[in-house]
Amino acid sequence: MLGVALVIGALLGYGVSAAYRALDAAPPQVPWLSPATLLVLVAFVALLARSAHTRIQVRRERVEPSRAVVWLALGKAAAIGGAAVLGGYLAYGLSFWTRLEAESPRERLVVSLVAAVAGVLLTVAGLALERACRVPGDEDEENPEDDAEGRAGP
């Protein structure tokens, strides 16, 4: 799923750049607010992942199922969104790789690469939040082959 999001993001990012070139128009600048906003989101998801890990894995506290489902959904959305952001900004930024002598394309590349790194961090934070929501001692997810073999016998 993450690979699909990465490819779709890359296609969209490159498509934006290609569309502006085809129209012979100046592609939009990437504002520094984009990676800054992504980094704030990364911090939020990472802190939530740490809190969930401490509550569920370390202290083994019982968490309301609805809250755990929300955390899990947020982790999944952050991981997929981060992969799409990574692909989009990376493809958009790299489309200016051959025009680095000018200041504007160079700035687009630099800001896009910073946003792509923020996308990687968001993906990692989302996966950490997903992992933190695992119930300790849940052996079905750790060994799915054992469960299938145990049921298949006569």
C-alpha atoms as a PDB file:
ATOM      1  CA  MET A   1       0.000   0.000   0.000  1.00  0.00           C
ATOM      2  CA  LEU A   2       2.843   2.390   0.793  1.00  0.00           C
ATOM      3  CA  GLY A   3       4.460   1.664  -2.548  1.00  0.00           C
ATOM      4  CA  VAL A   4       1.241   2.478  -4.383  1.00  0.00           C
ATOM      5  CA  ALA A   5       0.914   5.776  -2.503  1.00  0.00           C
ATOM      6  CA  LEU A   6       4.543   6.594  -3.304  1.00  0.00           C
ATOM      7  CA  VAL A   7       4.049   5.931  -7.024  1.00  0.00           C
ATOM      8  CA  ILE A   8       0.778   7.885  -7.185  1.00  0.00           C
ATOM      9  CA  GLY A   9       2.392  10.806  -5.383  1.00  0.00           C
ATOM     10  CA  ALA A  10       5.382  10.697  -7.738  1.00  0.00           C
ATOM     11  CA  LEU A  11       3.125  10.652 -10.796  1.00  0.00           C
ATOM     12  CA  LEU A  12       1.166  13.631  -9.501  1.00  0.00           C
ATOM     13  CA  GLY A  13       4.300  15.562  -8.558  1.00  0.00           C
ATOM     14  CA  TYR A  14       5.930  14.990 -11.919  1.00  0.00           C
ATOM     15  CA  GLY A  15       2.610  15.639 -13.665  1.00  0.00           C
ATOM     16  CA  VAL A  16       2.333  19.102 -12.138  1.00  0.00           C
ATOM     17  CA  SER A  17       5.807  19.999 -13.333  1.00  0.00           C
ATOM     18  CA  ALA A  18       5.202  18.538 -16.802  1.00  0.00           C
ATOM     19  CA  ALA A  19       1.874  20.340 -17.138  1.00  0.00           C
ATOM     20  CA  TYR A  20       3.458  23.714 -16.409  1.00  0.00           C
ATOM     21  CA  ARG A  21       6.263  22.985 -18.896  1.00  0.00           C
ATOM     22  CA  ALA A  22       3.725  21.975 -21.540  1.00  0.00           C
ATOM     23  CA  LEU A  23       1.835  25.229 -20.983  1.00  0.00           C
ATOM     24  CA  ASP A  24       5.137  27.126 -21.104  1.00  0.00           C
ATOM     25  CA  ALA A  25       4.335  28.638 -17.700  1.00  0.00           C
ATOM     26  CA  ALA A  26       6.465  29.039 -14.599  1.00  0.00           C
ATOM     27  CA  PRO A  27       5.920  26.137 -12.172  1.00  0.00           C
ATOM     28  CA  PRO A  28       4.801  27.134  -8.681  1.00  0.00           C
ATOM     29  CA  GLN A  29       7.338  27.680  -5.928  1.00  0.00           C
ATOM     30  CA  VAL A  30       7.116  25.346  -2.958  1.00  0.00           C
ATOM     31  CA  PRO A  31       6.681  27.486   0.166  1.00  0.00           C
ATOM     32  CA  TRP A  32       8.776  26.723   3.235  1.00  0.00           C
ATOM     33  CA  LEU A  33       5.498  26.458   5.116  1.00  0.00           C
ATOM     34  CA  SER A  34       4.860  23.068   3.461  1.00  0.00           C
ATOM     35  CA  PRO A  35       7.761  21.160   5.044  1.00  0.00           C
ATOM     36  CA  ALA A  36       7.306  23.112   8.290  1.00  0.00           C
ATOM     37  CA  THR A  37       3.670  22.021   8.517  1.00  0.00           C
ATOM     38  CA  LEU A  38       4.636  18.445   7.717  1.00  0.00           C
ATOM     39  CA  LEU A  39       7.255  18.490  10.477  1.00  0.00           C
ATOM     40  CA  VAL A  40       4.649  19.700  12.991  1.00  0.00           C
ATOM     41  CA  LEU A  41       2.439  16.796  11.917  1.00  0.00           C
ATOM     42  CA  VAL A  42       5.400  14.420  12.269  1.00  0.00           C
ATOM     43  CA  ALA A  43       5.980  15.658  15.813  1.00  0.00           C
ATOM     44  CA  PHE A  44       2.310  15.138  16.705  1.00  0.00           C
ATOM     45  CA  VAL A  45       2.149  11.597  15.294  1.00  0.00           C
ATOM     46  CA  ALA A  46       5.514  10.652  16.814  1.00  0.00           C
ATOM     47  CA  LEU A  47       4.502  11.902  20.269  1.00  0.00           C
ATOM     48  CA  LEU A  48       1.210  10.051  20.006  1.00  0.00           C
ATOM     49  CA  ALA A  49       3.074   6.893  18.965  1.00  0.00           C
ATOM     50  CA  ARG A  50       5.386   7.217  21.952  1.00  0.00           C
ATOM     51  CA  SER A  51       2.459   7.761  24.308  1.00  0.00           C
ATOM     52  CA  ALA A  52       0.527   4.821  22.866  1.00  0.00           C
ATOM     53  CA  HIS A  53       3.600   2.580  23.052  1.00  0.00           C
ATOM     54  CA  THR A  54       4.141   3.492  26.692  1.00  0.00           C
ATOM     55  CA  ARG A  55       0.498   2.914  27.610  1.00  0.00           C
ATOM     56  CA  ILE A  56      -0.087  -0.283  25.637  1.00  0.00           C
ATOM     57  CA  GLN A  57       3.291  -2.005  25.432  1.00  0.00           C
ATOM     58  CA  VAL A  58       5.180  -0.864  28.539  1.00  0.00           C
ATOM     59  CA  ARG A  59       2.544  -0.255  31.226  1.00  0.00           C
ATOM     60  CA  ARG A  60       0.044  -2.643  29.583  1.00  0.00           C
ATOM     61  CA  GLU A  61      -2.875  -0.337  30.319  1.00  0.00           C
ATOM     62  CA  ARG A  62      -6.254  -1.080  28.878  1.00  0.00           C
ATOM     63  CA  VAL A  63      -7.201   1.438  26.205  1.00  0.00           C
ATOM     64  CA  GLU A  64     -10.756   2.028  25.036  1.00  0.00           C
ATOM     65  CA  PRO A  65     -11.236   0.148  21.763  1.00  0.00           C
ATOM     66  CA  SER A  66     -12.627   3.215  19.987  1.00  0.00           C
ATOM     67  CA  ARG A  67      -9.538   5.242  20.945  1.00  0.00           C
ATOM     68  CA  ALA A  68      -7.208   2.474  19.772  1.00  0.00           C
ATOM     69  CA  VAL A  69      -9.045   2.286  16.443  1.00  0.00           C
ATOM     70  CA  VAL A  70      -8.669   6.048  15.988  1.00  0.00           C
ATOM     71  CA  TRP A  71      -4.943   5.814  16.759  1.00  0.00           C
ATOM     72  CA  LEU A  72      -4.568   2.921  14.350  1.00  0.00           C
ATOM     73  CA  ALA A  73      -6.441   4.774  11.585  1.00  0.00           C
ATOM     74  CA  LEU A  74      -4.347   7.889  12.181  1.00  0.00           C
ATOM     75  CA  GLY A  75      -1.167   5.828  12.000  1.00  0.00           C
ATOM     76  CA  LYS A  76      -2.261   4.198   8.743  1.00  0.00           C
ATOM     77  CA  ALA A  77      -3.286   7.555   7.246  1.00  0.00           C
ATOM     78  CA  ALA A  78      -0.013   9.175   8.301  1.00  0.00           C
ATOM     79  CA  ALA A  79       2.045   6.349   6.806  1.00  0.00           C
ATOM     80  CA  ILE A  80       0.175   6.378   3.494  1.00  0.00           C
ATOM     81  CA  GLY A  81       0.032  10.171   3.349  1.00  0.00           C
ATOM     82  CA  GLY A  82       3.724  10.433   4.150  1.00  0.00           C
ATOM     83  CA  ALA A  83       4.559   8.040   1.326  1.00  0.00           C
ATOM     84  CA  ALA A  84       2.431  10.052  -1.109  1.00  0.00           C
ATOM     85  CA  VAL A  85       4.046  13.307   0.051  1.00  0.00           C
ATOM     86  CA  LEU A  86       7.483  11.739  -0.334  1.00  0.00           C
ATOM     87  CA  GLY A  87       6.771  10.650  -3.898  1.00  0.00           C
ATOM     88  CA  GLY A  88       5.093  13.898  -4.897  1.00  0.00           C
ATOM     89  CA  TYR A  89       7.692  16.309  -3.590  1.00  0.00           C
ATOM     90  CA  LEU A  90      10.594  14.110  -4.665  1.00  0.00           C
ATOM     91  CA  ALA A  91       9.345  13.842  -8.261  1.00  0.00           C
ATOM     92  CA  TYR A  92       8.449  17.537  -8.406  1.00  0.00           C
ATOM     93  CA  GLY A  93      11.816  18.604  -7.026  1.00  0.00           C
ATOM     94  CA  LEU A  94      13.858  16.238  -9.168  1.00  0.00           C
ATOM     95  CA  SER A  95      12.131  17.501 -12.302  1.00  0.00           C
ATOM     96  CA  PHE A  96      14.239  20.657 -11.855  1.00  0.00           C
ATOM     97  CA  TRP A  97      17.517  18.735 -11.476  1.00  0.00           C
ATOM     98  CA  THR A  98      18.812  19.747 -14.895  1.00  0.00           C
ATOM     99  CA  ARG A  99      18.177  23.482 -14.356  1.00  0.00           C
ATOM    100  CA  LEU A 100      20.099  24.109 -11.148  1.00  0.00           C
ATOM    101  CA  GLU A 101      22.063  27.066 -12.558  1.00  0.00           C
ATOM    102  CA  ALA A 102      19.021  29.309 -12.024  1.00  0.00           C
ATOM    103  CA  GLU A 103      17.986  30.300  -8.517  1.00  0.00           C
ATOM    104  CA  SER A 104      14.271  29.520  -8.780  1.00  0.00           C
ATOM    105  CA  PRO A 105      14.593  25.864  -9.896  1.00  0.00           C
ATOM    106  CA  ARG A 106      17.333  25.339  -7.302  1.00  0.00           C
ATOM    107  CA  GLU A 107      15.040  26.653  -4.559  1.00  0.00           C
ATOM    108  CA  ARG A 108      12.201  24.425  -5.786  1.00  0.00           C
ATOM    109  CA  LEU A 109      14.548  21.435  -5.572  1.00  0.00           C
ATOM    110  CA  VAL A 110      15.838  22.257  -2.084  1.00  0.00           C
ATOM    111  CA  VAL A 111      12.416  22.928  -0.541  1.00  0.00           C
ATOM    112  CA  SER A 112      10.955  19.868  -2.267  1.00  0.00           C
ATOM    113  CA  LEU A 113      13.742  17.651  -0.915  1.00  0.00           C
ATOM    114  CA  VAL A 114      13.172  18.975   2.621  1.00  0.00           C
ATOM    115  CA  ALA A 115       9.445  18.261   2.236  1.00  0.00           C
ATOM    116  CA  ALA A 116      10.271  14.773   0.908  1.00  0.00           C
ATOM    117  CA  VAL A 117      12.379  14.098   4.013  1.00  0.00           C
ATOM    118  CA  ALA A 118       9.428  15.250   6.110  1.00  0.00           C
ATOM    119  CA  GLY A 119       7.310  12.754   4.147  1.00  0.00           C
ATOM    120  CA  VAL A 120       9.719   9.959   5.093  1.00  0.00           C
ATOM    121  CA  LEU A 121       9.547  11.007   8.740  1.00  0.00           C
ATOM    122  CA  LEU A 122       5.744  11.108   8.605  1.00  0.00           C
ATOM    123  CA  THR A 123       5.677   7.592   7.148  1.00  0.00           C
ATOM    124  CA  VAL A 124       7.979   6.314   9.881  1.00  0.00           C
ATOM    125  CA  ALA A 125       5.949   8.027  12.605  1.00  0.00           C
ATOM    126  CA  GLY A 126       2.719   6.572  11.189  1.00  0.00           C
ATOM    127  CA  LEU A 127       4.177   3.074  11.098  1.00  0.00           C
ATOM    128  CA  ALA A 128       5.402   3.518  14.684  1.00  0.00           C
ATOM    129  CA  LEU A 129       1.897   4.529  15.768  1.00  0.00           C
ATOM    130  CA  GLU A 130       0.419   1.496  14.009  1.00  0.00           C
ATOM    131  CA  ARG A 131       2.938  -0.773  15.712  1.00  0.00           C
ATOM    132  CA  ALA A 132       2.282   0.816  19.099  1.00  0.00           C
ATOM    133  CA  CYS A 133      -1.386  -0.159  18.814  1.00  0.00           C
ATOM    134  CA  ARG A 134      -0.591  -3.879  18.734  1.00  0.00           C
ATOM    135  CA  VAL A 135      -1.903  -5.763  21.704  1.00  0.00           C
ATOM    136  CA  PRO A 136       0.933  -7.401  23.682  1.00  0.00           C
ATOM    137  CA  GLY A 137       0.855 -11.172  23.482  1.00  0.00           C
ATOM    138  CA  ASP A 138      -1.281 -11.252  20.355  1.00  0.00           C
ATOM    139  CA  GLU A 139       0.348 -14.270  18.733  1.00  0.00           C
ATOM    140  CA  ASP A 140      -2.037 -14.489  15.777  1.00  0.00           C
ATOM    141  CA  GLU A 141      -0.389 -11.526  14.044  1.00  0.00           C
ATOM    142  CA  GLU A 142       3.142 -12.639  14.846  1.00  0.00           C
ATOM    143  CA  ASN A 143       2.747 -16.204  13.504  1.00  0.00           C
ATOM    144  CA  PRO A 144      -0.090 -16.319  10.944  1.00  0.00           C
ATOM    145  CA  GLU A 145       1.260 -19.571   9.463  1.00  0.00           C
ATOM    146  CA  ASP A 146       0.964 -21.372  12.807  1.00  0.00           C
ATOM    147  CA  ASP A 147      -2.672 -20.321  13.145  1.00  0.00           C
ATOM    148  CA  ALA A 148      -3.530 -21.526   9.652  1.00  0.00           C
ATOM    149  CA  GLU A 149      -1.755 -24.842  10.191  1.00  0.00           C
ATOM    150  CA  GLY A 150      -3.443 -25.383  13.536  1.00  0.00           C
ATOM    151  CA  ARG A 151      -6.910 -25.117  11.989  1.00  0.00           C
ATOM    152  CA  ALA A 152      -6.159 -27.135   8.871  1.00  0.00           C
ATOM    153  CA  GLY A 153      -5.486 -30.466  10.548  1.00  0.00           C
ATOM    154  CA  PRO A 154      -8.145 -33.242  10.726  1.00  0.00           C
END
